[in-house]
């Protein structure tokens, strides 16, 4: 039963959320002035600091440098909560549409770029066998019987 619920969530609802977010994204507000466009990389960096730094500090000590950095990148992605908060902020008049667009845009970039870079770091940390495992979608194991 749980697998059916997960299949429905990850196979339908999560992709639907990303499609709706993309449709409702206010690109015009992001590109209309210089400030929102300059805020996007600042927010992206803040995702790494606010979300990634605690992960880096609390990550298991037996992780290698590449695995720890990948974990930071995976944990620094932020979109669903950002979309909800910015929607409420704009609706209540507490946040300007340009700032909300910059924050949501940073969330979109984090979801698109951080996992890709994290997978690349995992592959680099594991050498040729690890790179092949990551490409094949077997990030949980490098070879038969050997787990990460």
N, C-alpha and C. Protein backbone atom coordinates (compact mmCIF):
# COMPACT_ATOMS: atom_id res chain seq x y z
N UNK A 1 0.82 -1.19 0.00
CA UNK A 1 0.00 0.00 0.00
C UNK A 1 0.87 1.26 0.00
N UNK A 2 1.93 1.26 0.84
CA UNK A 2 2.80 2.42 0.91
C UNK A 2 3.48 2.68 -0.43
N UNK A 3 3.85 1.62 -1.12
CA UNK A 3 4.51 1.80 -2.41
C UNK A 3 3.57 2.44 -3.42
N UNK A 4 2.28 2.15 -3.33
CA UNK A 4 1.30 2.76 -4.23
C UNK A 4 1.14 4.25 -3.94
N UNK A 5 1.14 4.59 -2.66
CA UNK A 5 1.04 6.00 -2.27
C UNK A 5 2.29 6.76 -2.73
N UNK A 6 3.46 6.15 -2.52
CA UNK A 6 4.71 6.79 -2.97
C UNK A 6 4.73 6.93 -4.49
N UNK A 7 4.26 5.91 -5.19
CA UNK A 7 4.23 5.98 -6.65
C UNK A 7 3.33 7.12 -7.10
N UNK A 8 2.19 7.28 -6.46
CA UNK A 8 1.27 8.36 -6.80
C UNK A 8 1.91 9.72 -6.49
N UNK A 9 2.55 9.81 -5.34
CA UNK A 9 3.16 11.08 -4.95
C UNK A 9 4.31 11.46 -5.85
N UNK A 10 5.29 10.55 -5.99
CA UNK A 10 6.48 10.88 -6.76
C UNK A 10 6.26 10.78 -8.26
N UNK A 11 5.29 9.97 -8.68
CA UNK A 11 5.06 9.80 -10.11
C UNK A 11 4.09 10.80 -10.69
N UNK A 12 3.22 11.37 -9.85
CA UNK A 12 2.22 12.29 -10.38
C UNK A 12 2.21 13.64 -9.67
N UNK A 13 2.08 13.63 -8.35
CA UNK A 13 1.91 14.89 -7.61
C UNK A 13 3.15 15.76 -7.61
N UNK A 14 4.32 15.17 -7.39
CA UNK A 14 5.55 15.98 -7.39
C UNK A 14 5.80 16.59 -8.78
N UNK A 15 5.74 15.81 -9.86
CA UNK A 15 5.91 16.44 -11.18
C UNK A 15 4.85 17.50 -11.46
N UNK A 16 3.62 17.25 -11.02
CA UNK A 16 2.56 18.25 -11.21
C UNK A 16 2.90 19.54 -10.47
N UNK A 17 3.43 19.42 -9.26
CA UNK A 17 3.83 20.60 -8.49
C UNK A 17 4.87 21.41 -9.25
N UNK A 18 5.88 20.73 -9.82
CA UNK A 18 6.92 21.44 -10.55
C UNK A 18 6.38 22.09 -11.82
N UNK A 19 5.45 21.45 -12.49
CA UNK A 19 4.84 22.03 -13.69
C UNK A 19 4.04 23.28 -13.32
N UNK A 20 3.24 23.18 -12.28
CA UNK A 20 2.44 24.33 -11.85
C UNK A 20 3.34 25.47 -11.40
N UNK A 21 4.41 25.15 -10.67
CA UNK A 21 5.37 26.17 -10.25
C UNK A 21 5.97 26.87 -11.45
N UNK A 22 6.35 26.11 -12.46
CA UNK A 22 6.91 26.70 -13.66
C UNK A 22 5.92 27.57 -14.42
N UNK A 23 4.66 27.15 -14.44
CA UNK A 23 3.63 27.93 -15.13
C UNK A 23 3.37 29.24 -14.41
N UNK A 24 3.32 29.19 -13.09
CA UNK A 24 2.99 30.38 -12.29
C UNK A 24 4.20 31.27 -12.00
N UNK A 25 5.39 30.84 -12.38
CA UNK A 25 6.60 31.61 -12.10
C UNK A 25 6.55 32.95 -12.83
N UNK A 26 6.82 34.02 -12.10
CA UNK A 26 6.74 35.38 -12.65
C UNK A 26 8.09 35.80 -13.21
N UNK A 27 8.39 35.33 -14.40
CA UNK A 27 9.67 35.64 -15.04
C UNK A 27 9.78 37.12 -15.35
N UNK A 28 8.68 37.74 -15.69
CA UNK A 28 8.69 39.18 -16.00
C UNK A 28 9.12 40.00 -14.79
N UNK A 29 8.65 39.63 -13.60
CA UNK A 29 9.05 40.34 -12.38
C UNK A 29 10.54 40.14 -12.10
N UNK A 30 11.05 38.95 -12.41
CA UNK A 30 12.47 38.69 -12.19
C UNK A 30 13.34 39.50 -13.13
N UNK A 31 12.92 39.62 -14.36
CA UNK A 31 13.74 40.31 -15.36
C UNK A 31 13.41 41.79 -15.51
N UNK A 32 12.39 42.29 -14.81
CA UNK A 32 11.97 43.68 -14.99
C UNK A 32 12.96 44.71 -14.45
N UNK A 33 13.63 44.37 -13.38
CA UNK A 33 14.57 45.32 -12.79
C UNK A 33 15.86 44.64 -12.42
N UNK A 34 16.85 45.41 -12.08
CA UNK A 34 18.14 44.84 -11.75
C UNK A 34 18.19 44.16 -10.40
N UNK A 35 17.45 44.68 -9.43
CA UNK A 35 17.55 44.15 -8.07
C UNK A 35 17.11 42.68 -7.96
N UNK A 36 15.93 42.30 -8.47
CA UNK A 36 15.55 40.89 -8.36
C UNK A 36 16.54 39.94 -9.04
N UNK A 37 17.06 40.34 -10.16
CA UNK A 37 18.01 39.49 -10.87
C UNK A 37 19.33 39.35 -10.10
N UNK A 38 19.71 40.41 -9.40
CA UNK A 38 20.92 40.35 -8.56
C UNK A 38 20.68 39.54 -7.28
N UNK A 39 19.44 39.50 -6.82
CA UNK A 39 19.13 38.76 -5.61
C UNK A 39 19.16 37.24 -5.83
N UNK A 40 18.90 36.79 -7.04
CA UNK A 40 18.85 35.35 -7.31
C UNK A 40 20.13 34.63 -6.88
N UNK A 41 21.33 35.04 -7.32
CA UNK A 41 22.52 34.33 -6.85
C UNK A 41 22.77 34.50 -5.35
N UNK A 42 22.33 35.62 -4.79
CA UNK A 42 22.48 35.82 -3.34
C UNK A 42 21.62 34.79 -2.59
N UNK A 43 20.38 34.60 -3.04
CA UNK A 43 19.51 33.61 -2.41
C UNK A 43 20.05 32.20 -2.60
N UNK A 44 20.61 31.93 -3.75
CA UNK A 44 21.19 30.62 -4.02
C UNK A 44 22.35 30.34 -3.05
N UNK A 45 23.18 31.34 -2.85
CA UNK A 45 24.28 31.21 -1.90
C UNK A 45 23.75 31.05 -0.47
N UNK A 46 22.69 31.76 -0.14
CA UNK A 46 22.10 31.63 1.19
C UNK A 46 21.52 30.24 1.42
N UNK A 47 20.97 29.61 0.38
CA UNK A 47 20.52 28.22 0.52
C UNK A 47 21.68 27.34 0.95
N UNK A 48 22.83 27.55 0.32
CA UNK A 48 24.00 26.75 0.67
C UNK A 48 24.46 27.01 2.10
N UNK A 49 24.42 28.26 2.51
CA UNK A 49 24.89 28.60 3.86
C UNK A 49 23.88 28.16 4.92
N UNK A 50 22.62 28.54 4.75
CA UNK A 50 21.62 28.30 5.79
C UNK A 50 21.23 26.82 5.86
N UNK A 51 21.10 26.17 4.72
CA UNK A 51 20.70 24.77 4.73
C UNK A 51 21.90 23.82 4.68
N UNK A 52 22.93 24.21 3.94
CA UNK A 52 24.06 23.32 3.73
C UNK A 52 25.08 23.30 4.85
N UNK A 53 25.33 24.43 5.47
CA UNK A 53 26.34 24.50 6.53
C UNK A 53 26.00 23.58 7.72
N UNK A 54 24.76 23.59 8.22
CA UNK A 54 24.45 22.65 9.31
C UNK A 54 24.62 21.18 8.88
N UNK A 55 24.27 20.89 7.65
CA UNK A 55 24.46 19.53 7.15
C UNK A 55 25.94 19.18 7.12
N UNK A 56 26.74 20.10 6.67
CA UNK A 56 28.19 19.87 6.62
C UNK A 56 28.75 19.61 8.02
N UNK A 57 28.28 20.39 8.98
CA UNK A 57 28.79 20.26 10.35
C UNK A 57 28.29 18.99 11.04
N UNK A 58 27.09 18.53 10.69
CA UNK A 58 26.50 17.39 11.38
C UNK A 58 26.57 16.09 10.59
N UNK A 59 27.19 16.12 9.43
CA UNK A 59 27.30 14.91 8.60
C UNK A 59 28.18 13.89 9.29
N UNK A 60 27.91 12.61 9.06
CA UNK A 60 28.77 11.57 9.67
C UNK A 60 30.23 11.77 9.30
N UNK A 61 31.10 11.56 10.27
CA UNK A 61 32.53 11.81 10.08
C UNK A 61 33.19 10.80 9.15
N UNK A 62 32.56 9.66 8.94
CA UNK A 62 33.19 8.66 8.07
C UNK A 62 32.96 8.93 6.59
N UNK A 63 32.21 9.96 6.26
CA UNK A 63 32.02 10.33 4.86
C UNK A 63 33.28 11.01 4.33
N UNK A 64 33.60 10.71 3.09
CA UNK A 64 34.72 11.37 2.44
C UNK A 64 34.36 12.80 2.05
N UNK A 65 35.35 13.52 1.58
CA UNK A 65 35.15 14.92 1.20
C UNK A 65 34.09 15.07 0.11
N UNK A 66 34.15 14.21 -0.91
CA UNK A 66 33.19 14.31 -2.02
C UNK A 66 31.78 13.93 -1.57
N UNK A 67 31.67 12.89 -0.74
CA UNK A 67 30.35 12.49 -0.26
C UNK A 67 29.74 13.55 0.63
N UNK A 68 30.55 14.15 1.48
CA UNK A 68 30.07 15.22 2.37
C UNK A 68 29.61 16.43 1.55
N UNK A 69 30.37 16.80 0.53
CA UNK A 69 29.98 17.93 -0.31
C UNK A 69 28.71 17.62 -1.10
N UNK A 70 28.58 16.39 -1.58
CA UNK A 70 27.36 16.00 -2.29
C UNK A 70 26.16 16.06 -1.36
N UNK A 71 26.33 15.61 -0.13
CA UNK A 71 25.25 15.66 0.86
C UNK A 71 24.82 17.10 1.11
N UNK A 72 25.78 18.00 1.20
CA UNK A 72 25.46 19.42 1.38
C UNK A 72 24.63 19.94 0.21
N UNK A 73 25.02 19.58 -1.00
CA UNK A 73 24.29 20.05 -2.18
C UNK A 73 22.88 19.45 -2.22
N UNK A 74 22.76 18.16 -1.92
CA UNK A 74 21.44 17.54 -1.93
C UNK A 74 20.53 18.18 -0.88
N UNK A 75 21.07 18.49 0.28
CA UNK A 75 20.28 19.08 1.34
C UNK A 75 20.00 20.56 1.18
N UNK A 76 20.70 21.21 0.27
CA UNK A 76 20.53 22.65 0.07
C UNK A 76 19.47 23.00 -0.96
N UNK A 77 18.89 21.99 -1.59
CA UNK A 77 17.84 22.28 -2.55
C UNK A 77 16.61 22.78 -1.81
N UNK A 78 15.92 23.72 -2.40
CA UNK A 78 14.74 24.28 -1.74
C UNK A 78 13.79 24.81 -2.80
N UNK A 79 12.61 24.24 -2.90
CA UNK A 79 11.61 24.81 -3.78
C UNK A 79 10.21 24.77 -3.17
N UNK A 80 9.70 23.63 -2.73
CA UNK A 80 8.30 23.61 -2.27
C UNK A 80 8.00 24.61 -1.16
N UNK A 81 8.83 24.63 -0.13
CA UNK A 81 8.59 25.55 0.97
C UNK A 81 8.77 27.01 0.52
N UNK A 82 9.74 27.24 -0.35
CA UNK A 82 9.97 28.60 -0.86
C UNK A 82 8.76 29.08 -1.65
N UNK A 83 8.19 28.22 -2.48
CA UNK A 83 7.01 28.60 -3.26
C UNK A 83 5.84 28.93 -2.34
N UNK A 84 5.62 28.11 -1.32
CA UNK A 84 4.51 28.35 -0.40
C UNK A 84 4.70 29.67 0.36
N UNK A 85 5.90 29.89 0.86
CA UNK A 85 6.15 31.10 1.64
C UNK A 85 6.06 32.35 0.78
N UNK A 86 6.64 32.31 -0.41
CA UNK A 86 6.59 33.51 -1.26
C UNK A 86 5.17 33.78 -1.75
N UNK A 87 4.41 32.74 -2.00
CA UNK A 87 3.01 32.95 -2.41
C UNK A 87 2.23 33.65 -1.31
N UNK A 88 2.40 33.19 -0.08
CA UNK A 88 1.73 33.84 1.04
C UNK A 88 2.23 35.27 1.23
N UNK A 89 3.54 35.48 1.11
CA UNK A 89 4.11 36.80 1.28
C UNK A 89 3.62 37.81 0.26
N UNK A 90 3.52 37.38 -1.00
CA UNK A 90 3.03 38.28 -2.05
C UNK A 90 1.54 38.53 -1.86
N UNK A 91 0.77 37.48 -1.55
CA UNK A 91 -0.68 37.64 -1.36
C UNK A 91 -1.00 38.58 -0.19
N UNK A 92 -0.20 38.55 0.86
CA UNK A 92 -0.42 39.42 2.02
C UNK A 92 0.21 40.79 1.86
N UNK A 93 0.94 41.02 0.77
CA UNK A 93 1.58 42.30 0.55
C UNK A 93 2.86 42.50 1.34
N UNK A 94 3.39 41.43 1.92
CA UNK A 94 4.60 41.52 2.73
C UNK A 94 5.87 41.35 1.90
N UNK A 95 5.73 40.91 0.66
CA UNK A 95 6.88 40.65 -0.19
C UNK A 95 6.58 41.17 -1.59
N UNK A 96 7.56 41.82 -2.18
CA UNK A 96 7.40 42.32 -3.55
C UNK A 96 7.46 41.16 -4.54
N UNK A 97 6.71 41.25 -5.63
CA UNK A 97 6.73 40.17 -6.62
C UNK A 97 8.12 39.89 -7.19
N UNK A 98 8.95 40.92 -7.35
CA UNK A 98 10.30 40.73 -7.87
C UNK A 98 11.17 39.93 -6.92
N UNK A 99 11.06 40.23 -5.63
CA UNK A 99 11.83 39.48 -4.64
C UNK A 99 11.35 38.03 -4.55
N UNK A 100 10.03 37.85 -4.63
CA UNK A 100 9.48 36.50 -4.62
C UNK A 100 9.96 35.71 -5.84
N UNK A 101 9.97 36.37 -6.99
CA UNK A 101 10.43 35.70 -8.21
C UNK A 101 11.91 35.33 -8.09
N UNK A 102 12.71 36.20 -7.48
CA UNK A 102 14.13 35.89 -7.29
C UNK A 102 14.31 34.70 -6.36
N UNK A 103 13.52 34.64 -5.30
CA UNK A 103 13.61 33.54 -4.35
C UNK A 103 13.14 32.22 -4.97
N UNK A 104 12.04 32.25 -5.70
CA UNK A 104 11.56 31.05 -6.37
C UNK A 104 12.52 30.65 -7.48
N UNK A 105 13.08 31.63 -8.20
CA UNK A 105 14.07 31.32 -9.23
C UNK A 105 15.30 30.65 -8.64
N UNK A 106 15.75 31.12 -7.49
CA UNK A 106 16.89 30.48 -6.82
C UNK A 106 16.53 29.06 -6.40
N UNK A 107 15.29 28.88 -5.94
CA UNK A 107 14.84 27.53 -5.61
C UNK A 107 14.82 26.62 -6.81
N UNK A 108 14.38 27.14 -7.95
CA UNK A 108 14.37 26.35 -9.19
C UNK A 108 15.79 25.97 -9.60
N UNK A 109 16.69 26.93 -9.54
CA UNK A 109 18.09 26.65 -9.90
C UNK A 109 18.67 25.62 -8.94
N UNK A 110 18.36 25.74 -7.66
CA UNK A 110 18.90 24.79 -6.69
C UNK A 110 18.41 23.37 -6.97
N UNK A 111 17.15 23.23 -7.34
CA UNK A 111 16.60 21.91 -7.62
C UNK A 111 17.16 21.33 -8.92
N UNK A 112 17.48 22.20 -9.86
CA UNK A 112 18.01 21.72 -11.14
C UNK A 112 19.51 21.47 -11.10
N UNK A 113 20.26 22.32 -10.43
CA UNK A 113 21.73 22.27 -10.52
C UNK A 113 22.38 21.50 -9.36
N UNK A 114 21.95 21.74 -8.14
CA UNK A 114 22.63 21.13 -6.99
C UNK A 114 22.67 19.60 -7.05
N UNK A 115 21.55 18.92 -7.36
CA UNK A 115 21.64 17.45 -7.44
C UNK A 115 22.58 16.95 -8.54
N UNK A 116 22.61 17.64 -9.66
CA UNK A 116 23.51 17.23 -10.74
C UNK A 116 24.97 17.36 -10.32
N UNK A 117 25.30 18.46 -9.67
CA UNK A 117 26.66 18.66 -9.19
C UNK A 117 26.98 17.66 -8.08
N UNK A 118 26.01 17.39 -7.22
CA UNK A 118 26.20 16.41 -6.16
C UNK A 118 26.47 15.02 -6.70
N UNK A 119 25.72 14.60 -7.72
CA UNK A 119 25.97 13.30 -8.34
C UNK A 119 27.35 13.26 -8.98
N UNK A 120 27.75 14.34 -9.57
CA UNK A 120 29.08 14.42 -10.19
C UNK A 120 30.17 14.26 -9.12
N UNK A 121 29.97 14.92 -7.97
CA UNK A 121 30.93 14.79 -6.88
C UNK A 121 30.98 13.36 -6.34
N UNK A 122 29.82 12.72 -6.22
CA UNK A 122 29.80 11.32 -5.78
C UNK A 122 30.58 10.43 -6.74
N UNK A 123 30.36 10.67 -8.02
CA UNK A 123 31.06 9.86 -9.02
C UNK A 123 32.57 10.10 -8.95
N UNK A 124 32.96 11.34 -8.78
CA UNK A 124 34.39 11.67 -8.69
C UNK A 124 35.02 11.05 -7.46
N UNK A 125 34.29 11.02 -6.36
CA UNK A 125 34.80 10.46 -5.12
C UNK A 125 34.94 8.94 -5.17
N UNK A 126 34.21 8.31 -6.05
CA UNK A 126 34.24 6.85 -6.13
C UNK A 126 35.11 6.33 -7.27
N UNK A 127 35.67 7.20 -8.07
CA UNK A 127 36.52 6.74 -9.17
C UNK A 127 35.68 6.21 -10.32
N UNK A 128 36.30 5.45 -11.24
CA UNK A 128 35.59 4.97 -12.44
C UNK A 128 34.39 4.07 -12.13
N UNK A 129 34.53 3.17 -11.14
CA UNK A 129 33.40 2.29 -10.81
C UNK A 129 32.24 3.08 -10.23
N UNK A 130 32.55 4.05 -9.38
CA UNK A 130 31.51 4.87 -8.78
C UNK A 130 30.82 5.74 -9.80
N UNK A 131 31.57 6.26 -10.76
CA UNK A 131 30.98 7.08 -11.81
C UNK A 131 29.99 6.26 -12.62
N UNK A 132 30.36 5.02 -12.92
CA UNK A 132 29.46 4.15 -13.68
C UNK A 132 28.22 3.81 -12.87
N UNK A 133 28.39 3.59 -11.56
CA UNK A 133 27.25 3.29 -10.70
C UNK A 133 26.29 4.47 -10.62
N UNK A 134 26.82 5.67 -10.53
CA UNK A 134 25.98 6.86 -10.47
C UNK A 134 25.24 7.04 -11.79
N UNK A 135 25.94 6.85 -12.92
CA UNK A 135 25.31 6.98 -14.22
C UNK A 135 24.21 5.93 -14.42
N UNK A 136 24.43 4.74 -13.89
CA UNK A 136 23.47 3.66 -14.05
C UNK A 136 22.31 3.76 -13.06
N UNK A 137 22.34 4.75 -12.19
CA UNK A 137 21.27 4.93 -11.23
C UNK A 137 21.41 4.04 -10.01
N UNK A 138 22.58 3.50 -9.80
CA UNK A 138 22.83 2.64 -8.65
C UNK A 138 23.68 3.39 -7.64
N UNK A 139 23.25 4.57 -7.27
CA UNK A 139 24.04 5.40 -6.36
C UNK A 139 24.22 4.73 -5.00
N UNK A 140 23.36 3.79 -4.65
CA UNK A 140 23.46 3.13 -3.36
C UNK A 140 24.53 2.09 -3.28
N UNK A 141 25.03 1.61 -4.43
CA UNK A 141 26.08 0.61 -4.38
C UNK A 141 27.03 0.78 -5.55
N UNK A 142 28.29 0.50 -5.32
CA UNK A 142 29.31 0.63 -6.36
C UNK A 142 29.38 -0.64 -7.17
N UNK A 143 29.49 -1.77 -6.51
CA UNK A 143 29.50 -3.06 -7.20
C UNK A 143 28.71 -4.05 -6.35
N UNK A 144 28.46 -5.20 -6.87
CA UNK A 144 27.68 -6.18 -6.14
C UNK A 144 28.30 -6.46 -4.77
N UNK A 145 27.51 -6.33 -3.74
CA UNK A 145 27.98 -6.64 -2.41
C UNK A 145 28.69 -5.50 -1.70
N UNK A 146 29.04 -4.45 -2.41
CA UNK A 146 29.76 -3.33 -1.77
C UNK A 146 28.81 -2.13 -1.72
N UNK A 147 28.53 -1.62 -0.53
CA UNK A 147 27.62 -0.50 -0.41
C UNK A 147 28.39 0.77 -0.07
N UNK A 148 27.75 1.88 -0.33
CA UNK A 148 28.36 3.18 -0.04
C UNK A 148 28.23 3.44 1.40
